Amino acid sequence: MIRRIITIDEEKCNGCGLCADACHEGAIGIVAGKAKLLREDYCDGLGDCLPACPMNAISFEEREAPAYNEAAVLAAKKAKEAPLPCGCPGSACQTIQHSAPAGDVYVPSELTNFPVQIKLLPPNAPYFDGADLLIAADCTAYSYGNFHHDFMQDKVTLIGCPKLDAVDYAEKLTQIFKYNNIRSITVTRMTVPCCGGLSHAVKTALENSGKNIPLHIVTISPDGRIIT
């Protein structure tokens, strides 16, 4: 059918994400640093996103498009609000405070945030404000014996494995760097070549964010030695 629907000029778009926040139907998302109309059938053609865009990158056009699917929009909203089937609150933001259990031998953890998986972390989590970040390849914590004390102390921790996770970390990290006051970034990676994907994602995200954040990359060997 021919109907009114939004169009996004990627040349003007700066990837701020304000249009995605303004779209109550969830039709817009940020892909590779640019706003995209992800679901044409979710766009109601009313244009709540237009005034939210600071770059005037969104406009209306009349063209062939699927009809607005209100039922699908409502179902998607309900699915987001529903708890996970396993009942696991893995995506809920938590700030952690540690105390020693009475009568137990206790080695305190330095973890101050949860979740820690890059895929699960919300870019607007409150603990990112003014944070020093540790972005760790997950094997590094098992290879380096004193990882908590030497690397995690007083830092917000993010972990991932670029070989096993079929995602582009750079997109999520760009949002975290761009929209929060990050003071510094430390990356811990293994000597294996695939771990270079984590360092590359961080460097790409820094460039895309437009921020000048101090970056330190530490390479660790499987036997727990710091190589660089």
N, C-alpha and C. Protein backbone atom coordinates (compact mmCIF):
# COMPACT_ATOMS: atom_id res chain seq x y z
N MET A 1 0.83 -1.19 0.00
CA MET A 1 0.00 0.00 0.00
C MET A 1 0.87 1.25 0.00
N ILE A 2 0.34 2.35 -0.55
CA ILE A 2 1.04 3.63 -0.53
C ILE A 2 0.63 4.37 0.74
N ARG A 3 1.60 4.73 1.55
CA ARG A 3 1.28 5.46 2.78
C ARG A 3 2.45 6.34 3.20
N ARG A 4 2.20 7.20 4.19
CA ARG A 4 3.24 8.08 4.71
C ARG A 4 4.11 7.31 5.70
N ILE A 5 5.41 7.45 5.54
CA ILE A 5 6.36 6.74 6.38
C ILE A 5 7.63 7.59 6.48
N ILE A 6 8.40 7.39 7.52
CA ILE A 6 9.60 8.20 7.67
C ILE A 6 10.73 7.72 6.77
N THR A 7 11.64 8.61 6.47
CA THR A 7 12.88 8.27 5.80
C THR A 7 14.02 8.96 6.54
N ILE A 8 15.17 8.30 6.63
CA ILE A 8 16.31 8.81 7.41
C ILE A 8 17.48 9.07 6.48
N ASP A 9 17.98 10.28 6.50
CA ASP A 9 19.15 10.67 5.70
C ASP A 9 20.41 10.32 6.49
N GLU A 10 21.07 9.23 6.11
CA GLU A 10 22.25 8.76 6.86
C GLU A 10 23.42 9.73 6.78
N GLU A 11 23.45 10.54 5.74
CA GLU A 11 24.54 11.52 5.63
C GLU A 11 24.44 12.57 6.74
N LYS A 12 23.21 12.92 7.12
CA LYS A 12 23.02 13.90 8.18
C LYS A 12 23.05 13.28 9.58
N CYS A 13 22.68 12.01 9.68
CA CYS A 13 22.53 11.35 10.98
C CYS A 13 23.87 11.28 11.72
N ASN A 14 23.86 11.66 13.00
CA ASN A 14 25.08 11.57 13.81
C ASN A 14 25.05 10.40 14.80
N GLY A 15 24.00 9.58 14.71
CA GLY A 15 23.94 8.38 15.55
C GLY A 15 23.65 8.63 17.01
N CYS A 16 23.04 9.77 17.33
CA CYS A 16 22.82 10.11 18.75
C CYS A 16 21.80 9.21 19.42
N GLY A 17 20.88 8.62 18.65
CA GLY A 17 19.90 7.70 19.21
C GLY A 17 18.65 8.35 19.78
N LEU A 18 18.54 9.68 19.71
CA LEU A 18 17.37 10.36 20.28
C LEU A 18 16.09 9.97 19.54
N CYS A 19 16.20 9.73 18.25
CA CYS A 19 15.01 9.33 17.49
C CYS A 19 14.51 7.96 17.94
N ALA A 20 15.45 7.05 18.21
CA ALA A 20 15.07 5.70 18.67
C ALA A 20 14.36 5.78 20.01
N ASP A 21 14.84 6.67 20.88
CA ASP A 21 14.18 6.85 22.18
C ASP A 21 12.78 7.44 22.02
N ALA A 22 12.62 8.32 21.03
CA ALA A 22 11.33 8.99 20.83
C ALA A 22 10.31 8.11 20.13
N CYS A 23 10.79 7.06 19.46
CA CYS A 23 9.88 6.18 18.71
C CYS A 23 9.25 5.19 19.68
N HIS A 24 8.00 5.44 20.05
CA HIS A 24 7.31 4.59 21.03
C HIS A 24 7.02 3.20 20.49
N GLU A 25 7.06 3.06 19.17
CA GLU A 25 6.73 1.77 18.55
C GLU A 25 7.95 0.86 18.40
N GLY A 26 9.16 1.41 18.61
CA GLY A 26 10.36 0.59 18.47
C GLY A 26 10.74 0.32 17.03
N ALA A 27 10.35 1.21 16.13
CA ALA A 27 10.64 1.00 14.71
C ALA A 27 12.07 1.37 14.34
N ILE A 28 12.71 2.22 15.15
CA ILE A 28 14.03 2.76 14.82
C ILE A 28 15.09 2.17 15.76
N GLY A 29 16.24 1.87 15.20
CA GLY A 29 17.37 1.41 15.99
C GLY A 29 18.65 2.02 15.46
N ILE A 30 19.73 1.87 16.22
CA ILE A 30 21.04 2.38 15.79
C ILE A 30 21.85 1.20 15.30
N VAL A 31 22.26 1.24 14.04
CA VAL A 31 23.04 0.18 13.41
C VAL A 31 24.30 0.79 12.82
N ALA A 32 25.45 0.29 13.26
CA ALA A 32 26.74 0.80 12.76
C ALA A 32 26.83 2.31 12.88
N GLY A 33 26.30 2.84 13.99
CA GLY A 33 26.43 4.26 14.27
C GLY A 33 25.45 5.16 13.55
N LYS A 34 24.45 4.58 12.89
CA LYS A 34 23.46 5.38 12.16
C LYS A 34 22.05 4.89 12.52
N ALA A 35 21.11 5.83 12.54
CA ALA A 35 19.72 5.46 12.78
C ALA A 35 19.17 4.72 11.57
N LYS A 36 18.42 3.65 11.84
CA LYS A 36 17.82 2.84 10.77
C LYS A 36 16.34 2.60 11.09
N LEU A 37 15.52 2.61 10.05
CA LEU A 37 14.12 2.19 10.20
C LEU A 37 14.15 0.66 10.11
N LEU A 38 14.08 0.00 11.26
CA LEU A 38 14.25 -1.45 11.31
C LEU A 38 12.98 -2.19 10.89
N ARG A 39 11.83 -1.65 11.24
CA ARG A 39 10.57 -2.30 10.92
C ARG A 39 9.60 -1.28 10.32
N GLU A 40 9.38 -1.36 9.03
CA GLU A 40 8.45 -0.44 8.38
C GLU A 40 7.03 -0.62 8.91
N ASP A 41 6.67 -1.87 9.26
CA ASP A 41 5.31 -2.11 9.75
C ASP A 41 5.11 -1.63 11.19
N TYR A 42 6.23 -1.20 11.86
CA TYR A 42 6.12 -0.62 13.19
C TYR A 42 5.98 0.91 13.13
N CYS A 43 6.24 1.50 11.99
CA CYS A 43 6.18 2.96 11.84
C CYS A 43 4.74 3.39 11.59
N ASP A 44 4.18 4.19 12.51
CA ASP A 44 2.78 4.61 12.37
C ASP A 44 2.62 5.86 11.50
N GLY A 45 3.74 6.46 11.08
CA GLY A 45 3.68 7.62 10.21
C GLY A 45 3.29 8.91 10.90
N LEU A 46 3.29 8.91 12.24
CA LEU A 46 2.92 10.13 12.98
C LEU A 46 4.13 11.03 13.22
N GLY A 47 5.31 10.45 13.25
CA GLY A 47 6.52 11.26 13.28
C GLY A 47 6.94 11.83 14.61
N ASP A 48 6.73 11.10 15.72
CA ASP A 48 7.23 11.58 17.01
C ASP A 48 8.75 11.72 17.00
N CYS A 49 9.40 10.98 16.10
CA CYS A 49 10.86 11.00 16.02
C CYS A 49 11.40 12.27 15.37
N LEU A 50 10.60 12.93 14.54
CA LEU A 50 11.11 14.07 13.77
C LEU A 50 11.64 15.20 14.64
N PRO A 51 10.85 15.69 15.61
CA PRO A 51 11.37 16.80 16.42
C PRO A 51 12.50 16.40 17.35
N ALA A 52 12.69 15.09 17.57
CA ALA A 52 13.76 14.64 18.46
C ALA A 52 15.12 14.68 17.79
N CYS A 53 15.14 14.71 16.46
CA CYS A 53 16.40 14.64 15.72
C CYS A 53 17.07 16.02 15.66
N PRO A 54 18.27 16.16 16.24
CA PRO A 54 18.95 17.46 16.23
C PRO A 54 19.59 17.80 14.90
N MET A 55 19.65 16.81 14.00
CA MET A 55 20.33 17.02 12.72
C MET A 55 19.34 17.18 11.55
N ASN A 56 18.04 17.17 11.86
CA ASN A 56 17.01 17.24 10.80
C ASN A 56 17.23 16.17 9.74
N ALA A 57 17.58 14.98 10.22
CA ALA A 57 17.88 13.88 9.29
C ALA A 57 16.66 13.03 8.96
N ILE A 58 15.51 13.31 9.60
CA ILE A 58 14.31 12.50 9.40
C ILE A 58 13.22 13.34 8.75
N SER A 59 12.56 12.74 7.77
CA SER A 59 11.46 13.42 7.10
C SER A 59 10.42 12.38 6.69
N PHE A 60 9.29 12.84 6.17
CA PHE A 60 8.25 11.95 5.68
C PHE A 60 8.40 11.74 4.18
N GLU A 61 7.94 10.58 3.72
CA GLU A 61 7.78 10.35 2.30
C GLU A 61 6.55 9.47 2.08
N GLU A 62 5.96 9.60 0.92
CA GLU A 62 4.83 8.76 0.52
C GLU A 62 5.38 7.68 -0.41
N ARG A 63 5.24 6.42 -0.01
CA ARG A 63 5.76 5.34 -0.85
C ARG A 63 5.09 4.02 -0.48
N GLU A 64 5.42 3.01 -1.25
CA GLU A 64 4.93 1.67 -0.98
C GLU A 64 5.56 1.14 0.31
N ALA A 65 4.73 0.73 1.25
CA ALA A 65 5.22 0.23 2.53
C ALA A 65 4.15 -0.67 3.14
N PRO A 66 4.57 -1.61 4.00
CA PRO A 66 3.60 -2.45 4.68
C PRO A 66 2.71 -1.59 5.58
N ALA A 67 1.50 -2.04 5.80
CA ALA A 67 0.58 -1.33 6.69
C ALA A 67 1.11 -1.34 8.12
N TYR A 68 0.77 -0.28 8.86
CA TYR A 68 1.16 -0.22 10.26
C TYR A 68 0.51 -1.38 11.02
N ASN A 69 1.33 -2.16 11.73
CA ASN A 69 0.85 -3.37 12.42
C ASN A 69 0.81 -3.11 13.93
N GLU A 70 -0.29 -2.53 14.36
CA GLU A 70 -0.41 -2.17 15.77
C GLU A 70 -0.33 -3.39 16.68
N ALA A 71 -0.91 -4.50 16.25
CA ALA A 71 -0.90 -5.72 17.07
C ALA A 71 0.52 -6.20 17.31
N ALA A 72 1.35 -6.15 16.26
CA ALA A 72 2.74 -6.58 16.40
C ALA A 72 3.52 -5.64 17.31
N VAL A 73 3.24 -4.34 17.21
CA VAL A 73 3.90 -3.36 18.08
C VAL A 73 3.56 -3.63 19.54
N LEU A 74 2.29 -3.84 19.82
CA LEU A 74 1.86 -4.09 21.20
C LEU A 74 2.45 -5.39 21.73
N ALA A 75 2.53 -6.40 20.87
CA ALA A 75 3.11 -7.68 21.29
C ALA A 75 4.59 -7.53 21.60
N ALA A 76 5.30 -6.73 20.79
CA ALA A 76 6.73 -6.52 21.03
C ALA A 76 6.96 -5.77 22.34
N LYS A 77 6.11 -4.78 22.61
CA LYS A 77 6.22 -4.04 23.87
C LYS A 77 5.99 -4.96 25.06
N LYS A 78 4.98 -5.82 24.94
CA LYS A 78 4.65 -6.74 26.03
C LYS A 78 5.79 -7.72 26.27
N ALA A 79 6.41 -8.18 25.18
CA ALA A 79 7.52 -9.13 25.31
C ALA A 79 8.70 -8.50 26.02
N LYS A 80 8.96 -7.21 25.76
CA LYS A 80 10.07 -6.53 26.43
C LYS A 80 9.82 -6.37 27.92
N GLU A 81 8.55 -6.17 28.28
CA GLU A 81 8.21 -5.96 29.68
C GLU A 81 8.17 -7.26 30.47
N ALA A 82 7.96 -8.38 29.77
CA ALA A 82 7.82 -9.67 30.45
C ALA A 82 9.15 -10.15 30.97
N PRO A 83 9.17 -10.89 32.11
CA PRO A 83 10.41 -11.47 32.61
C PRO A 83 10.90 -12.56 31.67
N LEU A 84 12.20 -12.82 31.71
CA LEU A 84 12.74 -13.90 30.90
C LEU A 84 12.12 -15.23 31.33
N PRO A 85 11.95 -16.20 30.40
CA PRO A 85 11.33 -17.46 30.75
C PRO A 85 12.01 -18.18 31.90
N CYS A 86 13.34 -18.03 32.00
CA CYS A 86 14.06 -18.72 33.06
C CYS A 86 13.96 -17.97 34.38
N GLY A 87 13.38 -16.78 34.35
CA GLY A 87 13.28 -15.99 35.57
C GLY A 87 14.60 -15.36 35.99
N CYS A 88 15.61 -15.40 35.08
CA CYS A 88 16.94 -14.90 35.41
C CYS A 88 17.01 -13.40 35.22
N PRO A 89 17.38 -12.64 36.27
CA PRO A 89 17.47 -11.18 36.13
C PRO A 89 18.83 -10.74 35.60
N GLY A 90 19.35 -11.47 34.61
CA GLY A 90 20.71 -11.23 34.16
C GLY A 90 20.95 -9.88 33.53
N SER A 91 19.88 -9.23 33.06
CA SER A 91 20.07 -7.94 32.41
C SER A 91 19.77 -6.77 33.33
N ALA A 92 19.40 -7.03 34.56
CA ALA A 92 19.07 -5.94 35.49
C ALA A 92 20.34 -5.33 36.05
N CYS A 93 20.42 -3.98 36.03
CA CYS A 93 21.60 -3.29 36.55
C CYS A 93 21.68 -3.45 38.06
N GLN A 94 22.88 -3.74 38.53
CA GLN A 94 23.11 -3.82 39.97
C GLN A 94 24.44 -3.17 40.31
N THR A 95 24.45 -2.41 41.40
CA THR A 95 25.70 -1.93 41.97
C THR A 95 25.97 -2.79 43.19
N ILE A 96 27.17 -3.36 43.26
CA ILE A 96 27.47 -4.38 44.26
C ILE A 96 28.30 -3.79 45.39
N GLN A 97 27.91 -4.08 46.61
CA GLN A 97 28.70 -3.75 47.79
C GLN A 97 29.02 -5.04 48.52
N HIS A 98 30.27 -5.20 48.92
CA HIS A 98 30.72 -6.46 49.49
C HIS A 98 30.86 -6.37 51.00
N SER A 99 30.48 -7.45 51.66
CA SER A 99 30.71 -7.59 53.10
C SER A 99 31.07 -9.04 53.37
N ALA A 100 31.93 -9.27 54.35
CA ALA A 100 32.42 -10.62 54.64
C ALA A 100 31.39 -11.42 55.41
N PRO A 101 31.05 -12.64 54.94
CA PRO A 101 30.15 -13.50 55.72
C PRO A 101 30.77 -13.86 57.06
N ALA A 102 29.96 -13.85 58.10
CA ALA A 102 30.46 -14.16 59.44
C ALA A 102 30.99 -15.59 59.50
N GLY A 103 32.18 -15.76 60.07
CA GLY A 103 32.73 -17.08 60.31
C GLY A 103 33.37 -17.75 59.12
N ASP A 104 33.34 -17.12 57.96
CA ASP A 104 33.91 -17.74 56.77
C ASP A 104 35.25 -17.10 56.40
N VAL A 105 36.11 -17.91 55.80
CA VAL A 105 37.31 -17.35 55.18
C VAL A 105 36.87 -16.67 53.90
N TYR A 106 37.14 -15.40 53.79
CA TYR A 106 36.55 -14.61 52.71
C TYR A 106 37.60 -13.81 51.98
N VAL A 107 37.70 -14.03 50.68
CA VAL A 107 38.55 -13.21 49.81
C VAL A 107 37.62 -12.26 49.07
N PRO A 108 37.69 -10.97 49.37
CA PRO A 108 36.72 -10.04 48.80
C PRO A 108 36.85 -9.91 47.28
N SER A 109 35.72 -9.81 46.64
CA SER A 109 35.69 -9.56 45.20
C SER A 109 35.82 -8.07 44.95
N GLU A 110 36.39 -7.72 43.81
CA GLU A 110 36.49 -6.31 43.41
C GLU A 110 35.41 -5.94 42.39
N LEU A 111 34.50 -6.86 42.11
CA LEU A 111 33.44 -6.57 41.15
C LEU A 111 32.44 -5.59 41.74
N THR A 112 32.18 -4.51 41.03
CA THR A 112 31.28 -3.47 41.54
C THR A 112 30.03 -3.31 40.70
N ASN A 113 29.90 -4.05 39.62
CA ASN A 113 28.74 -3.89 38.74
C ASN A 113 28.28 -5.24 38.21
N PHE A 114 27.01 -5.31 37.87
CA PHE A 114 26.45 -6.49 37.23
C PHE A 114 25.28 -6.04 36.37
N PRO A 115 25.11 -6.59 35.15
CA PRO A 115 25.90 -7.65 34.53
C PRO A 115 27.27 -7.16 34.07
N VAL A 116 28.08 -8.11 33.59
CA VAL A 116 29.42 -7.75 33.11
C VAL A 116 29.61 -8.08 31.63
N GLN A 117 28.79 -8.97 31.10
CA GLN A 117 28.90 -9.30 29.68
C GLN A 117 28.57 -8.08 28.82
N ILE A 118 29.44 -7.79 27.86
CA ILE A 118 29.24 -6.62 27.00
C ILE A 118 27.87 -6.68 26.33
N LYS A 119 27.46 -7.88 25.91
CA LYS A 119 26.17 -8.02 25.22
C LYS A 119 24.99 -7.63 26.11
N LEU A 120 25.13 -7.78 27.41
CA LEU A 120 24.01 -7.55 28.32
C LEU A 120 24.00 -6.15 28.93
N LEU A 121 25.14 -5.47 28.90
CA LEU A 121 25.24 -4.19 29.59
C LEU A 121 24.40 -3.10 28.91
N PRO A 122 23.52 -2.43 29.64
CA PRO A 122 22.79 -1.30 29.07
C PRO A 122 23.70 -0.08 28.99
N PRO A 123 23.76 0.60 27.85
CA PRO A 123 24.68 1.74 27.69
C PRO A 123 24.43 2.88 28.66
N ASN A 124 23.23 2.96 29.20
CA ASN A 124 22.90 4.08 30.11
C ASN A 124 22.92 3.67 31.58
N ALA A 125 23.61 2.57 31.91
CA ALA A 125 23.69 2.14 33.30
C ALA A 125 24.30 3.25 34.16
N PRO A 126 23.76 3.52 35.35
CA PRO A 126 24.23 4.66 36.16
C PRO A 126 25.69 4.55 36.59
N TYR A 127 26.21 3.33 36.70
CA TYR A 127 27.59 3.20 37.18
C TYR A 127 28.63 3.59 36.13
N PHE A 128 28.21 3.88 34.89
CA PHE A 128 29.16 4.32 33.88
C PHE A 128 29.57 5.79 34.07
N ASP A 129 28.79 6.57 34.77
CA ASP A 129 29.07 8.00 34.91
C ASP A 129 30.33 8.21 35.75
N GLY A 130 31.36 8.78 35.14
CA GLY A 130 32.61 9.04 35.84
C GLY A 130 33.45 7.81 36.10
N ALA A 131 33.21 6.74 35.33
CA ALA A 131 33.86 5.46 35.61
C ALA A 131 35.19 5.30 34.90
N ASP A 132 36.07 4.52 35.53
CA ASP A 132 37.22 3.93 34.87
C ASP A 132 36.79 2.54 34.43
N LEU A 133 36.93 2.24 33.14
CA LEU A 133 36.44 0.97 32.61
C LEU A 133 37.57 -0.05 32.49
N LEU A 134 37.24 -1.31 32.81
CA LEU A 134 38.08 -2.45 32.47
C LEU A 134 37.31 -3.28 31.46
N ILE A 135 37.85 -3.41 30.26
CA ILE A 135 37.22 -4.23 29.23
C ILE A 135 38.12 -5.45 29.03
N ALA A 136 37.65 -6.60 29.50
CA ALA A 136 38.51 -7.77 29.61
C ALA A 136 38.05 -8.90 28.71
N ALA A 137 38.99 -9.48 27.97
CA ALA A 137 38.74 -10.77 27.34
C ALA A 137 38.55 -11.77 28.48
N ASP A 138 37.48 -12.58 28.42
CA ASP A 138 37.12 -13.33 29.61
C ASP A 138 38.19 -14.31 30.08
N CYS A 139 39.06 -14.80 29.18
CA CYS A 139 40.11 -15.73 29.60
C CYS A 139 41.17 -15.07 30.48
N THR A 140 41.30 -13.75 30.40
CA THR A 140 42.38 -13.10 31.15
C THR A 140 42.22 -13.25 32.65
N ALA A 141 40.97 -13.28 33.11
CA ALA A 141 40.73 -13.40 34.55
C ALA A 141 41.13 -14.77 35.06
N TYR A 142 41.14 -15.77 34.20
CA TYR A 142 41.54 -17.12 34.61
C TYR A 142 43.04 -17.34 34.46
N SER A 143 43.67 -16.59 33.59
CA SER A 143 45.11 -16.75 33.37
C SER A 143 45.94 -15.98 34.39
N TYR A 144 45.47 -14.78 34.75
CA TYR A 144 46.23 -13.92 35.65
C TYR A 144 45.70 -14.07 37.07
N GLY A 145 46.54 -14.60 37.96
CA GLY A 145 46.09 -15.00 39.29
C GLY A 145 45.53 -13.89 40.16
N ASN A 146 46.10 -12.71 40.06
CA ASN A 146 45.68 -11.61 40.94
C ASN A 146 44.84 -10.60 40.18
N PHE A 147 43.97 -11.11 39.30
CA PHE A 147 43.23 -10.26 38.38
C PHE A 147 42.34 -9.25 39.09
N HIS A 148 41.63 -9.69 40.13
CA HIS A 148 40.71 -8.79 40.83
C HIS A 148 41.46 -7.60 41.42
N HIS A 149 42.54 -7.88 42.12
CA HIS A 149 43.26 -6.80 42.80
C HIS A 149 43.99 -5.89 41.83
N ASP A 150 44.64 -6.48 40.82
CA ASP A 150 45.51 -5.69 39.95
C ASP A 150 44.75 -4.97 38.82
N PHE A 151 43.60 -5.49 38.43
CA PHE A 151 42.91 -4.91 37.28
C PHE A 151 41.50 -4.41 37.58
N MET A 152 40.74 -5.13 38.40
CA MET A 152 39.32 -4.79 38.60
C MET A 152 39.09 -3.74 39.67
N GLN A 153 40.04 -3.55 40.54
CA GLN A 153 39.85 -2.65 41.69
C GLN A 153 39.49 -1.24 41.22
N ASP A 154 38.36 -0.73 41.74
CA ASP A 154 37.88 0.63 41.46
C ASP A 154 37.51 0.85 40.00
N LYS A 155 37.19 -0.22 39.30
CA LYS A 155 36.80 -0.10 37.89
C LYS A 155 35.45 -0.77 37.66
N VAL A 156 34.76 -0.29 36.63
CA VAL A 156 33.56 -0.97 36.12
C VAL A 156 34.04 -1.99 35.09
N THR A 157 33.63 -3.24 35.28
CA THR A 157 34.15 -4.34 34.48
C THR A 157 33.20 -4.77 33.38
N LEU A 158 33.74 -4.92 32.16
CA LEU A 158 33.01 -5.44 31.01
C LEU A 158 33.82 -6.61 30.47
N ILE A 159 33.17 -7.73 30.17
CA ILE A 159 33.91 -8.86 29.63
C ILE A 159 33.26 -9.37 28.36
N GLY A 160 34.08 -10.04 27.53
CA GLY A 160 33.56 -10.63 26.31
C GLY A 160 34.62 -11.46 25.63
N CYS A 161 34.19 -12.21 24.61
CA CYS A 161 35.12 -13.00 23.80
C CYS A 161 34.74 -12.77 22.34
N PRO A 162 35.57 -12.05 21.59
CA PRO A 162 35.22 -11.74 20.20
C PRO A 162 35.14 -12.97 19.30
N LYS A 163 35.75 -14.08 19.72
CA LYS A 163 35.70 -15.30 18.91
C LYS A 163 34.38 -16.04 19.10
N LEU A 164 33.84 -16.00 20.33
CA LEU A 164 32.64 -16.78 20.64
C LEU A 164 31.35 -15.98 20.50
N ASP A 165 31.41 -14.67 20.73
CA ASP A 165 30.20 -13.84 20.63
C ASP A 165 30.02 -13.35 19.20
N ALA A 166 28.91 -13.71 18.60
CA ALA A 166 28.65 -13.31 17.22
C ALA A 166 28.01 -11.92 17.17
N VAL A 167 28.71 -10.95 17.74
CA VAL A 167 28.23 -9.57 17.75
C VAL A 167 29.39 -8.63 17.48
N ASP A 168 29.04 -7.42 17.07
CA ASP A 168 30.05 -6.38 16.90
C ASP A 168 30.09 -5.55 18.18
N TYR A 169 31.10 -5.77 19.02
CA TYR A 169 31.20 -5.04 20.28
C TYR A 169 31.30 -3.54 20.05
N ALA A 170 31.84 -3.13 18.91
CA ALA A 170 32.11 -1.70 18.69
C ALA A 170 30.84 -0.87 18.79
N GLU A 171 29.71 -1.42 18.35
CA GLU A 171 28.46 -0.65 18.37
C GLU A 171 28.03 -0.34 19.81
N LYS A 172 28.01 -1.36 20.67
CA LYS A 172 27.61 -1.16 22.07
C LYS A 172 28.63 -0.27 22.79
N LEU A 173 29.91 -0.52 22.56
CA LEU A 173 30.95 0.27 23.23
C LEU A 173 30.90 1.74 22.80
N THR A 174 30.59 1.98 21.53
CA THR A 174 30.46 3.36 21.06
C THR A 174 29.41 4.10 21.86
N GLN A 175 28.27 3.45 22.09
CA GLN A 175 27.21 4.09 22.86
C GLN A 175 27.65 4.37 24.29
N ILE A 176 28.36 3.42 24.89
CA ILE A 176 28.82 3.60 26.27
C ILE A 176 29.81 4.76 26.35
N PHE A 177 30.75 4.81 25.42
CA PHE A 177 31.76 5.88 25.43
C PHE A 177 31.13 7.24 25.14
N LYS A 178 30.20 7.25 24.19
CA LYS A 178 29.67 8.52 23.69
C LYS A 178 28.74 9.20 24.69
N TYR A 179 27.93 8.42 25.37
CA TYR A 179 26.87 9.01 26.18
C TYR A 179 27.16 8.98 27.69
N ASN A 180 28.39 8.65 28.05
CA ASN A 180 28.77 8.65 29.46
C ASN A 180 30.10 9.36 29.65
N ASN A 181 30.34 9.83 30.86
CA ASN A 181 31.59 10.49 31.19
C ASN A 181 32.60 9.44 31.64
N ILE A 182 33.23 8.77 30.67
CA ILE A 182 34.22 7.73 30.97
C ILE A 182 35.58 8.37 31.17
N ARG A 183 36.23 8.05 32.29
CA ARG A 183 37.52 8.69 32.60
C ARG A 183 38.70 7.97 31.96
N SER A 184 38.67 6.64 31.93
CA SER A 184 39.78 5.90 31.34
C SER A 184 39.30 4.51 30.95
N ILE A 185 40.07 3.87 30.05
CA ILE A 185 39.74 2.52 29.59
C ILE A 185 40.99 1.66 29.66
N THR A 186 40.88 0.53 30.34
CA THR A 186 41.93 -0.48 30.34
C THR A 186 41.39 -1.73 29.65
N VAL A 187 42.13 -2.25 28.68
CA VAL A 187 41.75 -3.48 28.00
C VAL A 187 42.74 -4.57 28.39
N THR A 188 42.23 -5.73 28.81
CA THR A 188 43.10 -6.89 29.02
C THR A 188 42.73 -7.94 27.98
N ARG A 189 43.74 -8.41 27.26
CA ARG A 189 43.54 -9.39 26.21
C ARG A 189 44.59 -10.48 26.31
N MET A 190 44.31 -11.62 25.70
CA MET A 190 45.28 -12.71 25.66
C MET A 190 46.22 -12.54 24.47
N THR A 191 47.27 -13.36 24.44
CA THR A 191 48.24 -13.29 23.35
C THR A 191 47.70 -13.89 22.06
N VAL A 192 46.63 -14.69 22.14
CA VAL A 192 46.11 -15.35 20.95
C VAL A 192 45.57 -14.30 19.96
N PRO A 193 45.77 -14.55 18.64
CA PRO A 193 45.39 -13.53 17.64
C PRO A 193 43.93 -13.11 17.69
N CYS A 194 43.00 -14.06 17.96
CA CYS A 194 41.58 -13.70 17.93
C CYS A 194 41.23 -12.66 18.97
N CYS A 195 42.05 -12.55 20.03
CA CYS A 195 41.80 -11.57 21.08
C CYS A 195 42.02 -10.14 20.57
N GLY A 196 42.72 -10.03 19.45
CA GLY A 196 42.91 -8.71 18.87
C GLY A 196 41.59 -8.07 18.46
N GLY A 197 40.55 -8.90 18.26
CA GLY A 197 39.24 -8.37 17.91
C GLY A 197 38.67 -7.48 19.00
N LEU A 198 39.00 -7.78 20.26
CA LEU A 198 38.51 -6.95 21.36
C LEU A 198 39.19 -5.58 21.35
N SER A 199 40.51 -5.57 21.19
CA SER A 199 41.23 -4.31 21.12
C SER A 199 40.76 -3.47 19.94
N HIS A 200 40.53 -4.14 18.81
CA HIS A 200 40.08 -3.42 17.62
C HIS A 200 38.70 -2.81 17.84
N ALA A 201 37.81 -3.56 18.50
CA ALA A 201 36.46 -3.04 18.75
C ALA A 201 36.51 -1.81 19.65
N VAL A 202 37.38 -1.84 20.66
CA VAL A 202 37.50 -0.70 21.57
C VAL A 202 38.05 0.52 20.82
N LYS A 203 39.08 0.32 20.01
CA LYS A 203 39.66 1.44 19.26
C LYS A 203 38.65 2.01 18.27
N THR A 204 37.90 1.13 17.61
CA THR A 204 36.87 1.58 16.67
C THR A 204 35.79 2.37 17.38
N ALA A 205 35.37 1.88 18.54
CA ALA A 205 34.33 2.56 19.31
C ALA A 205 34.80 3.93 19.78
N LEU A 206 36.05 4.01 20.19
CA LEU A 206 36.60 5.30 20.62
C LEU A 206 36.57 6.30 19.46
N GLU A 207 36.98 5.85 18.30
CA GLU A 207 36.98 6.73 17.13
C GLU A 207 35.56 7.17 16.78
N ASN A 208 34.63 6.22 16.81
CA ASN A 208 33.24 6.53 16.45
C ASN A 208 32.56 7.44 17.48
N SER A 209 33.01 7.35 18.72
CA SER A 209 32.38 8.16 19.78
C SER A 209 32.81 9.62 19.72
N GLY A 210 33.96 9.87 19.09
CA GLY A 210 34.49 11.23 19.05
C GLY A 210 35.12 11.67 20.36
N LYS A 211 35.29 10.74 21.29
CA LYS A 211 35.86 11.08 22.59
C LYS A 211 37.37 10.82 22.60
N ASN A 212 38.07 11.56 23.43
CA ASN A 212 39.51 11.35 23.63
C ASN A 212 39.70 10.79 25.05
N ILE A 213 39.51 9.49 25.19
CA ILE A 213 39.57 8.83 26.49
C ILE A 213 40.89 8.07 26.59
N PRO A 214 41.65 8.24 27.66
CA PRO A 214 42.91 7.50 27.81
C PRO A 214 42.68 6.00 27.72
N LEU A 215 43.50 5.31 26.89
CA LEU A 215 43.35 3.88 26.65
C LEU A 215 44.66 3.17 26.94
N HIS A 216 44.58 2.07 27.73
CA HIS A 216 45.75 1.25 28.04
C HIS A 216 45.41 -0.20 27.74
N ILE A 217 46.20 -0.86 26.89
CA ILE A 217 45.96 -2.25 26.51
C ILE A 217 47.04 -3.14 27.13
N VAL A 218 46.60 -4.17 27.86
CA VAL A 218 47.51 -5.10 28.52
C VAL A 218 47.32 -6.48 27.89
N THR A 219 48.43 -7.09 27.46
CA THR A 219 48.38 -8.42 26.87
C THR A 219 48.93 -9.44 27.86
N ILE A 220 48.17 -10.51 28.09
CA ILE A 220 48.51 -11.52 29.08
C ILE A 220 48.69 -12.88 28.41
N SER A 221 49.71 -13.62 28.81
CA SER A 221 49.96 -14.94 28.26
C SER A 221 49.12 -15.99 28.99
N PRO A 222 48.93 -17.18 28.39
CA PRO A 222 48.15 -18.22 29.05
C PRO A 222 48.70 -18.65 30.41
N ASP A 223 50.00 -18.47 30.61
CA ASP A 223 50.58 -18.84 31.91
C ASP A 223 50.59 -17.67 32.90
N GLY A 224 49.88 -16.60 32.56
CA GLY A 224 49.67 -15.52 33.53
C GLY A 224 50.70 -14.43 33.55
N ARG A 225 51.54 -14.34 32.52
CA ARG A 225 52.54 -13.27 32.49
C ARG A 225 52.02 -12.09 31.68
N ILE A 226 52.36 -10.88 32.13
CA ILE A 226 52.01 -9.68 31.38
C ILE A 226 53.08 -9.48 30.31
N ILE A 227 52.65 -9.50 29.06
CA ILE A 227 53.59 -9.40 27.92
C ILE A 227 53.82 -7.94 27.55
N THR A 228 52.73 -7.18 27.48
CA THR A 228 52.85 -5.75 27.18
C THR A 228 51.87 -4.99 28.06
